[in-house]
Amino acid sequence: MYTAIHTHTQTHKHTYTHIHIHMYTGIRTHIHTDTHIYTHIYTNIHTHTHTHTYACINARIYTHTHTHIHTRTHTHVHRHTHTRTHIHRHTYTHTCTHTYTHKHTHTHTYTHIY
């Protein structure tokens, strides 16, 4: 009768892979302001004609014509402001893959007596 001791060693290698997916959604808002300035100039010309008739002492009649020109200038400023809002939505996806390896060693010893 003798005793035999057997030792058996096994090595296991495990590989794990993790995939992470991140999705980001962002909203950007753009505001555009447009200002338009309109200038209107109105010119009105009025002409007045006056005729004066008068008599002098020597019985002569004189006629005098007088013309008057009146100019009126009006300036009108119109300001128009327009606001435009632009909304831009963008989505981007980030994918991260992480792989790690686990090595496991298992030792089994058994004794056989016969």
Protein backbone atom coordinates (compact mmCIF):
# COMPACT_ATOMS: atom_id res chain seq x y z
CA MET A 1 0.00 0.00 0.00
CA TYR A 2 1.28 3.39 -0.93
CA THR A 3 -0.09 6.83 -1.25
CA ALA A 4 -0.14 8.84 -4.47
CA ILE A 5 -0.74 12.54 -4.45
CA HIS A 6 -1.83 14.12 -7.69
CA THR A 7 -1.87 17.82 -8.22
CA HIS A 8 -3.81 19.26 -11.13
CA THR A 9 -3.66 22.90 -12.07
CA GLN A 10 -6.09 24.53 -14.44
CA THR A 11 -5.93 28.10 -15.67
CA HIS A 12 -9.09 29.78 -16.82
CA LYS A 13 -9.03 33.00 -18.79
CA HIS A 14 -12.17 35.08 -18.93
CA THR A 15 -12.59 38.09 -21.14
CA TYR A 16 -15.32 40.59 -20.37
CA THR A 17 -16.40 43.29 -22.76
CA HIS A 18 -18.55 46.22 -21.72
CA ILE A 19 -20.04 48.59 -24.23
CA HIS A 20 -21.31 51.91 -22.98
CA ILE A 21 -23.42 54.05 -25.26
CA HIS A 22 -24.03 57.62 -24.25
CA MET A 23 -26.41 59.82 -26.17
CA TYR A 24 -26.38 63.54 -25.68
CA THR A 25 -29.08 65.83 -26.96
CA GLY A 26 -28.38 69.52 -26.99
CA ILE A 27 -30.61 72.41 -28.00
CA ARG A 28 -29.01 75.62 -29.19
CA THR A 29 -31.12 78.72 -29.60
CA HIS A 30 -30.03 81.51 -31.89
CA ILE A 31 -31.80 84.86 -31.76
CA HIS A 32 -31.29 87.17 -34.69
CA THR A 33 -32.39 90.78 -34.39
CA ASP A 34 -32.64 92.77 -37.57
CA THR A 35 -33.24 96.50 -37.36
CA HIS A 36 -34.29 98.41 -40.43
CA ILE A 37 -34.37 102.20 -40.41
CA TYR A 38 -36.36 103.90 -43.11
CA THR A 39 -36.04 107.64 -43.63
CA HIS A 40 -38.71 109.42 -45.61
CA ILE A 41 -38.27 113.02 -46.61
CA TYR A 42 -41.34 114.87 -47.78
CA THR A 43 -40.93 118.23 -49.46
CA ASN A 44 -43.97 120.35 -50.03
CA ILE A 45 -43.64 123.43 -52.18
CA HIS A 46 -46.43 125.96 -51.96
CA THR A 47 -46.52 128.90 -54.34
CA HIS A 48 -48.58 131.91 -53.50
CA THR A 49 -49.11 134.67 -56.02
CA HIS A 50 -50.39 137.96 -54.80
CA THR A 51 -51.41 140.73 -57.13
CA HIS A 52 -51.69 144.19 -55.70
CA THR A 53 -53.31 146.99 -57.60
CA TYR A 54 -53.03 150.45 -56.29
CA ALA A 55 -53.48 153.93 -57.66
CA CYS A 56 -51.24 156.86 -57.11
CA ILE A 57 -52.08 160.50 -56.84
CA ASN A 58 -51.34 161.16 -60.51
CA ALA A 59 -54.17 158.77 -61.45
CA ARG A 60 -51.88 156.12 -62.76
CA ILE A 61 -52.69 152.52 -61.84
CA TYR A 62 -49.84 150.29 -60.94
CA THR A 63 -50.11 146.52 -60.78
CA HIS A 64 -47.61 144.67 -58.64
CA THR A 65 -47.37 140.92 -58.65
CA HIS A 66 -45.64 139.20 -55.78
CA THR A 67 -44.86 135.52 -55.79
CA HIS A 68 -44.11 133.79 -52.53
CA ILE A 69 -42.62 130.30 -52.48
CA HIS A 70 -42.94 128.36 -49.28
CA THR A 71 -41.02 125.14 -48.85
CA ARG A 72 -41.76 122.75 -46.04
CA THR A 73 -39.58 119.68 -45.46
CA HIS A 74 -40.75 116.87 -43.25
CA THR A 75 -38.48 114.02 -42.27
CA HIS A 76 -40.06 110.79 -41.09
CA VAL A 77 -37.92 108.08 -39.53
CA HIS A 78 -39.41 104.63 -39.31
CA ARG A 79 -37.62 101.96 -37.34
CA HIS A 80 -38.57 98.36 -37.79
CA THR A 81 -37.14 95.67 -35.57
CA HIS A 82 -37.59 92.04 -36.47
CA THR A 83 -36.51 89.19 -34.23
CA ARG A 84 -35.97 85.73 -35.61
CA THR A 85 -35.46 82.77 -33.31
CA HIS A 86 -33.69 79.70 -34.66
CA ILE A 87 -33.65 76.52 -32.60
CA HIS A 88 -31.05 73.94 -33.56
CA ARG A 89 -31.20 70.49 -32.01
CA HIS A 90 -28.25 68.21 -32.34
CA THR A 91 -27.70 64.70 -31.01
CA TYR A 92 -24.39 62.97 -30.85
CA THR A 93 -23.65 59.46 -29.63
CA HIS A 94 -20.56 58.46 -27.71
CA THR A 95 -19.70 54.78 -27.59
CA CYS A 96 -17.13 53.48 -25.13
CA THR A 97 -15.94 49.88 -25.28
CA HIS A 98 -14.08 48.56 -22.29
CA THR A 99 -12.44 45.13 -22.34
CA TYR A 100 -10.69 43.55 -19.44
CA THR A 101 -9.27 40.03 -19.00
CA HIS A 102 -9.50 38.04 -15.84
CA LYS A 103 -7.12 35.15 -15.35
CA HIS A 104 -8.08 32.55 -12.80
CA THR A 105 -5.86 29.68 -11.70
CA HIS A 106 -7.44 26.74 -10.00
CA THR A 107 -5.35 24.04 -8.29
CA HIS A 108 -6.90 20.73 -7.38
CA THR A 109 -5.05 18.20 -5.22
CA TYR A 110 -6.39 14.79 -4.57
CA THR A 111 -4.88 11.87 -2.66
CA HIS A 112 -5.31 8.32 -3.76
CA ILE A 113 -4.45 5.49 -1.41
CA TYR A 114 -4.17 1.98 -2.66
